[in-house]
Amino acid sequence: MEEDLIENLGDLDEGLPEPSDLLTTMSPWRRREEILPLFNEEESHRAAKEEPQSLLLSFFLLS
């Protein structure tokens, strides 16, 4: 654990990244933020399609 702390302090001594480096590092996260809602929308549509089937099955099982 102490070695990890020393490594982290060493990283801090190197200084902050240049602004251009920071932008290149963050760009994949921005892309991810734009893409993830699309997947969430697909999952909600898929769940909506699957849900009526389960309701029908429960209706027939209760009958």
PDB file of N, CA and C in Angstrom:
ATOM      1  N   MET A   1       0.827  -1.191   0.000  1.00  0.00           N
ATOM      2  CA  MET A   1       0.000   0.000   0.000  1.00  0.00           C
ATOM      3  C   MET A   1       0.874   1.258   0.000  1.00  0.00           C
ATOM      4  N   GLU A   2       1.933   1.212   0.791  1.00  0.00           N
ATOM      5  CA  GLU A   2       2.832   2.356   0.855  1.00  0.00           C
ATOM      6  C   GLU A   2       3.494   2.599  -0.500  1.00  0.00           C
ATOM      7  N   GLU A   3       3.818   1.508  -1.197  1.00  0.00           N
ATOM      8  CA  GLU A   3       4.434   1.641  -2.518  1.00  0.00           C
ATOM      9  C   GLU A   3       3.477   2.325  -3.494  1.00  0.00           C
ATOM     10  N   ASP A   4       2.180   1.993  -3.393  1.00  0.00           N
ATOM     11  CA  ASP A   4       1.181   2.628  -4.259  1.00  0.00           C
ATOM     12  C   ASP A   4       1.111   4.129  -4.002  1.00  0.00           C
ATOM     13  N   LEU A   5       1.165   4.499  -2.723  1.00  0.00           N
ATOM     14  CA  LEU A   5       1.123   5.922  -2.384  1.00  0.00           C
ATOM     15  C   LEU A   5       2.343   6.651  -2.936  1.00  0.00           C
ATOM     16  N   ILE A   6       3.488   6.018  -2.836  1.00  0.00           N
ATOM     17  CA  ILE A   6       4.713   6.638  -3.345  1.00  0.00           C
ATOM     18  C   ILE A   6       4.624   6.799  -4.863  1.00  0.00           C
ATOM     19  N   GLU A   7       4.075   5.775  -5.546  1.00  0.00           N
ATOM     20  CA  GLU A   7       3.907   5.881  -7.001  1.00  0.00           C
ATOM     21  C   GLU A   7       2.973   7.031  -7.353  1.00  0.00           C
ATOM     22  N   ASN A   8       1.869   7.144  -6.611  1.00  0.00           N
ATOM     23  CA  ASN A   8       0.913   8.217  -6.886  1.00  0.00           C
ATOM     24  C   ASN A   8       1.531   9.585  -6.644  1.00  0.00           C
ATOM     25  N   LEU A   9       2.317   9.710  -5.604  1.00  0.00           N
ATOM     26  CA  LEU A   9       2.986  10.983  -5.341  1.00  0.00           C
ATOM     27  C   LEU A   9       3.983  11.291  -6.447  1.00  0.00           C
ATOM     28  N   GLY A  10       4.634  10.265  -6.968  1.00  0.00           N
ATOM     29  CA  GLY A  10       5.555  10.464  -8.081  1.00  0.00           C
ATOM     30  C   GLY A  10       4.825  10.981  -9.303  1.00  0.00           C
ATOM     31  N   ASP A  11       3.622  10.473  -9.540  1.00  0.00           N
ATOM     32  CA  ASP A  11       2.816  10.962 -10.658  1.00  0.00           C
ATOM     33  C   ASP A  11       2.462  12.431 -10.468  1.00  0.00           C
ATOM     34  N   LEU A  12       2.182  12.829  -9.234  1.00  0.00           N
ATOM     35  CA  LEU A  12       1.851  14.230  -8.970  1.00  0.00           C
ATOM     36  C   LEU A  12       3.051  15.134  -9.197  1.00  0.00           C
ATOM     37  N   ASP A  13       4.238  14.626  -8.885  1.00  0.00           N
ATOM     38  CA  ASP A  13       5.449  15.420  -9.083  1.00  0.00           C
ATOM     39  C   ASP A  13       5.701  15.710 -10.558  1.00  0.00           C
ATOM     40  N   GLU A  14       5.218  14.835 -11.437  1.00  0.00           N
ATOM     41  CA  GLU A  14       5.424  15.044 -12.867  1.00  0.00           C
ATOM     42  C   GLU A  14       4.615  16.219 -13.388  1.00  0.00           C
ATOM     43  N   GLY A  15       3.608  16.644 -12.659  1.00  0.00           N
ATOM     44  CA  GLY A  15       2.820  17.804 -13.057  1.00  0.00           C
ATOM     45  C   GLY A  15       1.569  17.439 -13.812  1.00  0.00           C
ATOM     46  N   LEU A  16       0.806  18.464 -14.109  1.00  0.00           N
ATOM     47  CA  LEU A  16      -0.442  18.276 -14.839  1.00  0.00           C
ATOM     48  C   LEU A  16      -0.161  18.089 -16.320  1.00  0.00           C
ATOM     49  N   PRO A  17      -1.021  17.348 -17.008  1.00  0.00           N
ATOM     50  CA  PRO A  17      -0.802  17.167 -18.448  1.00  0.00           C
ATOM     51  C   PRO A  17      -1.041  18.468 -19.199  1.00  0.00           C
ATOM     52  N   GLU A  18      -0.432  18.570 -20.347  1.00  0.00           N
ATOM     53  CA  GLU A  18      -0.665  19.723 -21.212  1.00  0.00           C
ATOM     54  C   GLU A  18      -2.137  19.747 -21.619  1.00  0.00           C
ATOM     55  N   PRO A  19      -2.707  20.921 -21.874  1.00  0.00           N
ATOM     56  CA  PRO A  19      -4.124  20.987 -22.253  1.00  0.00           C
ATOM     57  C   PRO A  19      -4.468  20.128 -23.462  1.00  0.00           C
ATOM     58  N   SER A  20      -3.585  20.060 -24.452  1.00  0.00           N
ATOM     59  CA  SER A  20      -3.883  19.239 -25.630  1.00  0.00           C
ATOM     60  C   SER A  20      -3.937  17.764 -25.248  1.00  0.00           C
ATOM     61  N   ASP A  21      -3.063  17.326 -24.331  1.00  0.00           N
ATOM     62  CA  ASP A  21      -3.093  15.942 -23.866  1.00  0.00           C
ATOM     63  C   ASP A  21      -4.390  15.659 -23.119  1.00  0.00           C
ATOM     64  N   LEU A  22      -4.847  16.626 -22.367  1.00  0.00           N
ATOM     65  CA  LEU A  22      -6.077  16.457 -21.602  1.00  0.00           C
ATOM     66  C   LEU A  22      -7.271  16.281 -22.531  1.00  0.00           C
ATOM     67  N   LEU A  23      -7.317  17.048 -23.612  1.00  0.00           N
ATOM     68  CA  LEU A  23      -8.431  16.927 -24.558  1.00  0.00           C
ATOM     69  C   LEU A  23      -8.424  15.583 -25.263  1.00  0.00           C
ATOM     70  N   THR A  24      -7.259  15.094 -25.636  1.00  0.00           N
ATOM     71  CA  THR A  24      -7.214  13.791 -26.303  1.00  0.00           C
ATOM     72  C   THR A  24      -7.592  12.683 -25.341  1.00  0.00           C
ATOM     73  N   THR A  25      -7.280  12.867 -24.071  1.00  0.00           N
ATOM     74  CA  THR A  25      -7.647  11.871 -23.075  1.00  0.00           C
ATOM     75  C   THR A  25      -9.150  11.862 -22.843  1.00  0.00           C
ATOM     76  N   MET A  26      -9.785  13.013 -22.879  1.00  0.00           N
ATOM     77  CA  MET A  26     -11.207  13.094 -22.570  1.00  0.00           C
ATOM     78  C   MET A  26     -12.101  12.788 -23.764  1.00  0.00           C
ATOM     79  N   SER A  27     -11.605  12.869 -24.967  1.00  0.00           N
ATOM     80  CA  SER A  27     -12.474  12.706 -26.123  1.00  0.00           C
ATOM     81  C   SER A  27     -13.180  11.351 -26.169  1.00  0.00           C
ATOM     82  N   PRO A  28     -12.542  10.222 -25.813  1.00  0.00           N
ATOM     83  CA  PRO A  28     -13.297   8.967 -25.813  1.00  0.00           C
ATOM     84  C   PRO A  28     -14.455   8.985 -24.818  1.00  0.00           C
ATOM     85  N   TRP A  29     -14.286   9.666 -23.689  1.00  0.00           N
ATOM     86  CA  TRP A  29     -15.372   9.741 -22.713  1.00  0.00           C
ATOM     87  C   TRP A  29     -16.542  10.517 -23.286  1.00  0.00           C
ATOM     88  N   ARG A  30     -16.241  11.576 -24.011  1.00  0.00           N
ATOM     89  CA  ARG A  30     -17.325  12.351 -24.622  1.00  0.00           C
ATOM     90  C   ARG A  30     -18.066  11.510 -25.641  1.00  0.00           C
ATOM     91  N   ARG A  31     -17.310  10.747 -26.424  1.00  0.00           N
ATOM     92  CA  ARG A  31     -17.959   9.869 -27.407  1.00  0.00           C
ATOM     93  C   ARG A  31     -18.829   8.848 -26.700  1.00  0.00           C
ATOM     94  N   ARG A  32     -18.346   8.329 -25.597  1.00  0.00           N
ATOM     95  CA  ARG A  32     -19.096   7.334 -24.841  1.00  0.00           C
ATOM     96  C   ARG A  32     -20.406   7.923 -24.326  1.00  0.00           C
ATOM     97  N   GLU A  33     -20.349   9.162 -23.856  1.00  0.00           N
ATOM     98  CA  GLU A  33     -21.561   9.814 -23.354  1.00  0.00           C
ATOM     99  C   GLU A  33     -22.600   9.971 -24.453  1.00  0.00           C
ATOM    100  N   GLU A  34     -22.142  10.140 -25.691  1.00  0.00           N
ATOM    101  CA  GLU A  34     -23.080  10.282 -26.799  1.00  0.00           C
ATOM    102  C   GLU A  34     -23.644   8.938 -27.230  1.00  0.00           C
ATOM    103  N   ILE A  35     -22.872   7.875 -27.082  1.00  0.00           N
ATOM    104  CA  ILE A  35     -23.283   6.560 -27.566  1.00  0.00           C
ATOM    105  C   ILE A  35     -24.130   5.813 -26.536  1.00  0.00           C
ATOM    106  N   LEU A  36     -23.812   5.928 -25.265  1.00  0.00           N
ATOM    107  CA  LEU A  36     -24.515   5.161 -24.242  1.00  0.00           C
ATOM    108  C   LEU A  36     -26.027   5.368 -24.239  1.00  0.00           C
ATOM    109  N   PRO A  37     -26.537   6.583 -24.399  1.00  0.00           N
ATOM    110  CA  PRO A  37     -27.999   6.724 -24.442  1.00  0.00           C
ATOM    111  C   PRO A  37     -28.633   5.933 -25.577  1.00  0.00           C
ATOM    112  N   LEU A  38     -27.928   5.765 -26.676  1.00  0.00           N
ATOM    113  CA  LEU A  38     -28.466   4.974 -27.780  1.00  0.00           C
ATOM    114  C   LEU A  38     -28.641   3.522 -27.360  1.00  0.00           C
ATOM    115  N   PHE A  39     -27.656   2.980 -26.634  1.00  0.00           N
ATOM    116  CA  PHE A  39     -27.774   1.605 -26.160  1.00  0.00           C
ATOM    117  C   PHE A  39     -28.884   1.490 -25.128  1.00  0.00           C
ATOM    118  N   ASN A  40     -28.993   2.462 -24.243  1.00  0.00           N
ATOM    119  CA  ASN A  40     -30.052   2.429 -23.241  1.00  0.00           C
ATOM    120  C   ASN A  40     -31.417   2.454 -23.903  1.00  0.00           C
ATOM    121  N   GLU A  41     -31.547   3.221 -24.981  1.00  0.00           N
ATOM    122  CA  GLU A  41     -32.812   3.292 -25.705  1.00  0.00           C
ATOM    123  C   GLU A  41     -33.135   1.939 -26.336  1.00  0.00           C
ATOM    124  N   GLU A  42     -32.124   1.284 -26.909  1.00  0.00           N
ATOM    125  CA  GLU A  42     -32.334  -0.040 -27.494  1.00  0.00           C
ATOM    126  C   GLU A  42     -32.767  -1.034 -26.431  1.00  0.00           C
ATOM    127  N   GLU A  43     -32.139  -0.986 -25.261  1.00  0.00           N
ATOM    128  CA  GLU A  43     -32.488  -1.911 -24.186  1.00  0.00           C
ATOM    129  C   GLU A  43     -33.909  -1.682 -23.702  1.00  0.00           C
ATOM    130  N   SER A  44     -34.331  -0.429 -23.625  1.00  0.00           N
ATOM    131  CA  SER A  44     -35.693  -0.164 -23.166  1.00  0.00           C
ATOM    132  C   SER A  44     -36.705  -0.652 -24.188  1.00  0.00           C
ATOM    133  N   HIS A  45     -36.391  -0.517 -25.484  1.00  0.00           N
ATOM    134  CA  HIS A  45     -37.287  -1.046 -26.518  1.00  0.00           C
ATOM    135  C   HIS A  45     -37.339  -2.569 -26.448  1.00  0.00           C
ATOM    136  N   ARG A  46     -36.193  -3.188 -26.221  1.00  0.00           N
ATOM    137  CA  ARG A  46     -36.131  -4.644 -26.131  1.00  0.00           C
ATOM    138  C   ARG A  46     -36.930  -5.125 -24.920  1.00  0.00           C
ATOM    139  N   ALA A  47     -36.798  -4.437 -23.787  1.00  0.00           N
ATOM    140  CA  ALA A  47     -37.534  -4.816 -22.582  1.00  0.00           C
ATOM    141  C   ALA A  47     -39.032  -4.648 -22.794  1.00  0.00           C
ATOM    142  N   ALA A  48     -39.417  -3.608 -23.509  1.00  0.00           N
ATOM    143  CA  ALA A  48     -40.837  -3.383 -23.771  1.00  0.00           C
ATOM    144  C   ALA A  48     -41.405  -4.489 -24.653  1.00  0.00           C
ATOM    145  N   LYS A  49     -40.595  -5.007 -25.562  1.00  0.00           N
ATOM    146  CA  LYS A  49     -41.056  -6.100 -26.421  1.00  0.00           C
ATOM    147  C   LYS A  49     -41.157  -7.405 -25.639  1.00  0.00           C
ATOM    148  N   GLU A  50     -40.240  -7.634 -24.704  1.00  0.00           N
ATOM    149  CA  GLU A  50     -40.218  -8.881 -23.944  1.00  0.00           C
ATOM    150  C   GLU A  50     -41.267  -8.892 -22.842  1.00  0.00           C
ATOM    151  N   GLU A  51     -41.590  -7.755 -22.300  1.00  0.00           N
ATOM    152  CA  GLU A  51     -42.514  -7.680 -21.171  1.00  0.00           C
ATOM    153  C   GLU A  51     -43.905  -8.214 -21.496  1.00  0.00           C
ATOM    154  N   PRO A  52     -44.535  -7.855 -22.611  1.00  0.00           N
ATOM    155  CA  PRO A  52     -45.869  -8.397 -22.896  1.00  0.00           C
ATOM    156  C   PRO A  52     -45.867  -9.918 -22.996  1.00  0.00           C
ATOM    157  N   GLN A  53     -44.807 -10.514 -23.486  1.00  0.00           N
ATOM    158  CA  GLN A  53     -44.747 -11.967 -23.567  1.00  0.00           C
ATOM    159  C   GLN A  53     -44.797 -12.580 -22.182  1.00  0.00           C
ATOM    160  N   SER A  54     -44.085 -12.008 -21.242  1.00  0.00           N
ATOM    161  CA  SER A  54     -44.094 -12.555 -19.890  1.00  0.00           C
ATOM    162  C   SER A  54     -45.462 -12.368 -19.246  1.00  0.00           C
ATOM    163  N   LEU A  55     -46.150 -11.279 -19.569  1.00  0.00           N
ATOM    164  CA  LEU A  55     -47.497 -11.085 -19.040  1.00  0.00           C
ATOM    165  C   LEU A  55     -48.449 -12.134 -19.591  1.00  0.00           C
ATOM    166  N   LEU A  56     -48.320 -12.446 -20.866  1.00  0.00           N
ATOM    167  CA  LEU A  56     -49.171 -13.472 -21.464  1.00  0.00           C
ATOM    168  C   LEU A  56     -48.904 -14.832 -20.838  1.00  0.00           C
ATOM    169  N   LEU A  57     -47.650 -15.150 -20.616  1.00  0.00           N
ATOM    170  CA  LEU A  57     -47.318 -16.428 -19.995  1.00  0.00           C
ATOM    171  C   LEU A  57     -47.905 -16.529 -18.601  1.00  0.00           C
ATOM    172  N   SER A  58     -47.804 -15.476 -17.824  1.00  0.00           N
ATOM    173  CA  SER A  58     -48.351 -15.514 -16.468  1.00  0.00           C
ATOM    174  C   SER A  58     -49.871 -15.636 -16.507  1.00  0.00           C
ATOM    175  N   PHE A  59     -50.515 -15.035 -17.498  1.00  0.00           N
ATOM    176  CA  PHE A  59     -51.968 -15.142 -17.628  1.00  0.00           C
ATOM    177  C   PHE A  59     -52.362 -16.592 -17.898  1.00  0.00           C
ATOM    178  N   PHE A  60     -51.643 -17.242 -18.818  1.00  0.00           N
ATOM    179  CA  PHE A  60     -51.970 -18.627 -19.158  1.00  0.00           C
ATOM    180  C   PHE A  60     -51.634 -19.581 -18.017  1.00  0.00           C
ATOM    181  N   LEU A  61     -50.601 -19.288 -17.268  1.00  0.00           N
ATOM    182  CA  LEU A  61     -50.245 -20.149 -16.143  1.00  0.00           C
ATOM    183  C   LEU A  61     -51.274 -20.047 -15.026  1.00  0.00           C
ATOM    184  N   LEU A  62     -51.858 -18.882 -14.852  1.00  0.00           N
ATOM    185  CA  LEU A  62     -52.862 -18.694 -13.808  1.00  0.00           C
ATOM    186  C   LEU A  62     -54.204 -19.305 -14.192  1.00  0.00           C
ATOM    187  N   SER A  63     -54.458 -19.456 -15.460  1.00  0.00           N
ATOM    188  CA  SER A  63     -55.754 -19.981 -15.922  1.00  0.00           C
ATOM    189  C   SER A  63     -55.891 -21.459 -15.697  1.00  0.00           C
TER     190      SER A  63
END
